[in-house]
Protein backbone atom coordinates (compact mmCIF):
# COMPACT_ATOMS: atom_id res chain seq x y z
CA UNK A 1 9.61 -37.52 19.32
CA UNK A 2 8.35 -37.49 22.90
CA UNK A 3 4.84 -36.37 23.78
CA UNK A 4 5.94 -33.06 25.45
CA UNK A 5 8.20 -32.21 22.48
CA UNK A 6 5.38 -32.85 20.01
CA UNK A 7 2.98 -30.72 22.06
CA UNK A 8 5.50 -27.87 22.26
CA UNK A 9 6.12 -28.02 18.51
CA UNK A 10 2.38 -27.98 17.78
CA UNK A 11 1.84 -25.05 20.16
CA UNK A 12 4.73 -23.11 18.59
CA UNK A 13 3.41 -23.64 15.06
CA UNK A 14 -0.06 -22.46 16.07
CA UNK A 15 1.34 -19.30 17.70
CA UNK A 16 3.49 -18.52 14.63
CA UNK A 17 0.51 -19.03 12.29
CA UNK A 18 -1.64 -16.67 14.37
CA UNK A 19 1.06 -14.01 14.43
CA UNK A 20 1.58 -14.20 10.66
CA UNK A 21 -2.15 -14.04 10.03
CA UNK A 22 -2.28 -10.72 11.89
CA UNK A 23 0.44 -9.14 9.75
CA UNK A 24 -0.89 -6.62 7.22
CA UNK A 25 -0.67 -7.82 3.64
CA UNK A 26 0.76 -5.40 1.10
CA UNK A 27 -1.30 -4.60 -1.95
CA UNK A 28 0.29 -4.12 -5.36
CA UNK A 29 -0.59 -1.22 -7.59
CA UNK A 30 -1.44 -3.73 -10.33
CA UNK A 31 -4.08 -5.24 -7.99
CA UNK A 32 -5.64 -1.81 -7.44
CA UNK A 33 -5.54 -0.80 -11.11
CA UNK A 34 -6.97 -4.15 -12.24
CA UNK A 35 -10.06 -3.85 -10.03
CA UNK A 36 -10.39 -0.35 -8.52
CA UNK A 37 -14.00 -0.97 -7.48
CA UNK A 38 -12.88 -3.76 -5.14
CA UNK A 39 -10.55 -1.34 -3.33
CA UNK A 40 -12.70 1.83 -3.47
CA UNK A 41 -12.94 3.50 -0.04
CA UNK A 42 -10.75 0.77 1.49
CA UNK A 43 -7.46 1.41 3.23
CA UNK A 44 -4.44 -0.09 1.45
CA UNK A 45 -0.68 0.00 1.92
CA UNK A 46 1.71 0.14 -1.02
CA UNK A 47 5.50 0.38 -1.18
CA UNK A 48 7.42 1.86 -4.09
CA UNK A 49 9.51 4.67 -5.50
CA UNK A 50 8.30 8.22 -6.10
CA UNK A 51 8.58 8.91 -9.84
CA UNK A 52 7.01 12.39 -9.97
CA UNK A 53 5.90 14.86 -7.32
CA UNK A 54 4.36 18.29 -7.15
CA UNK A 55 3.09 20.46 -4.36
CA UNK A 56 2.78 23.82 -2.69
CA UNK A 57 2.37 24.82 0.96
CA UNK A 58 2.53 21.23 2.23
CA UNK A 59 -0.18 19.87 -0.08
CA UNK A 60 0.06 18.16 -3.43
CA UNK A 61 0.55 14.80 -4.96
CA UNK A 62 3.05 12.31 -6.20
CA UNK A 63 3.14 9.16 -8.28
CA UNK A 64 4.43 5.86 -6.88
CA UNK A 65 5.80 2.95 -8.94
CA UNK A 66 6.05 -0.43 -7.18
CA UNK A 67 7.30 -2.37 -10.19
CA UNK A 68 3.80 -3.61 -11.07
CA UNK A 69 2.37 -0.23 -12.05
CA UNK A 70 1.96 3.39 -11.04
CA UNK A 71 -0.66 5.22 -9.01
CA UNK A 72 -1.17 8.83 -7.93
CA UNK A 73 -1.16 9.72 -4.23
CA UNK A 74 -2.81 12.89 -2.88
CA UNK A 75 -1.39 14.28 0.36
CA UNK A 76 -1.75 17.11 2.85
CA UNK A 77 1.37 16.02 4.78
CA UNK A 78 4.10 17.39 2.52
CA UNK A 79 5.39 15.84 -0.69
CA UNK A 80 8.32 13.42 -0.83
CA UNK A 81 11.04 14.07 -3.36
CA UNK A 82 11.44 12.25 -6.64
CA UNK A 83 13.34 8.97 -6.18
CA UNK A 84 12.33 8.52 -2.52
CA UNK A 85 11.27 5.01 -1.50
CA UNK A 86 8.01 5.18 0.48
CA UNK A 87 5.44 2.99 2.19
CA UNK A 88 2.07 4.71 1.81
CA UNK A 89 -1.19 3.90 3.57
CA UNK A 90 -4.39 5.51 2.44
CA UNK A 91 -7.89 5.15 1.00
CA UNK A 92 -8.42 4.33 -2.66
CA UNK A 93 -10.63 6.76 -4.59
CA UNK A 94 -11.65 7.07 -8.22
CA UNK A 95 -12.38 10.06 -10.37
CA UNK A 96 -15.07 8.67 -12.66
CA UNK A 97 -16.30 5.28 -13.81
CA UNK A 98 -17.45 4.83 -17.40
CA UNK A 99 -18.47 1.58 -19.10
CA UNK A 100 -17.17 -0.42 -16.16
CA UNK A 101 -13.72 1.18 -16.23
CA UNK A 102 -12.35 3.51 -13.60
CA UNK A 103 -10.44 6.60 -14.67
CA UNK A 104 -8.36 8.63 -12.29
CA UNK A 105 -7.78 6.07 -9.53
CA UNK A 106 -5.68 7.52 -6.71
CA UNK A 107 -4.83 7.03 -3.04
CA UNK A 108 -5.65 9.70 -0.45
CA UNK A 109 -2.69 9.36 1.94
CA UNK A 110 -3.30 8.86 5.67
CA UNK A 111 0.21 7.74 6.62
CA UNK A 112 3.62 7.58 4.97
CA UNK A 113 7.02 6.26 5.90
CA UNK A 114 10.14 7.05 3.92
CA UNK A 115 12.33 3.96 3.59
CA UNK A 116 16.04 3.75 2.89
CA UNK A 117 17.01 3.00 -0.70
CA UNK A 118 18.24 -0.52 -1.41
């Protein structure tokens, strides 16, 4: 390989690595449920299917299953229908903590995108 080709390849690999490093990493629901304290008050993004939903006047909640577990999502932006595939961003909150375990972990939605079903 010639010197300019090697330099171009090295430069390209560095640029690709920097771009990939800046991409947001998805969090699984299992990660959140396993250690809710680590995620408390932090913004996370999850992707999954809505398994239950309830609401009135544009507020309510729904439960998302990503294949690793389920978590409740509280929203003031309208409630998606059961079976919808969504990407949810929000802050993790917990109801109470007792004996080192968190009960009532949920996500307070700040952004949502409905995705097409696969």
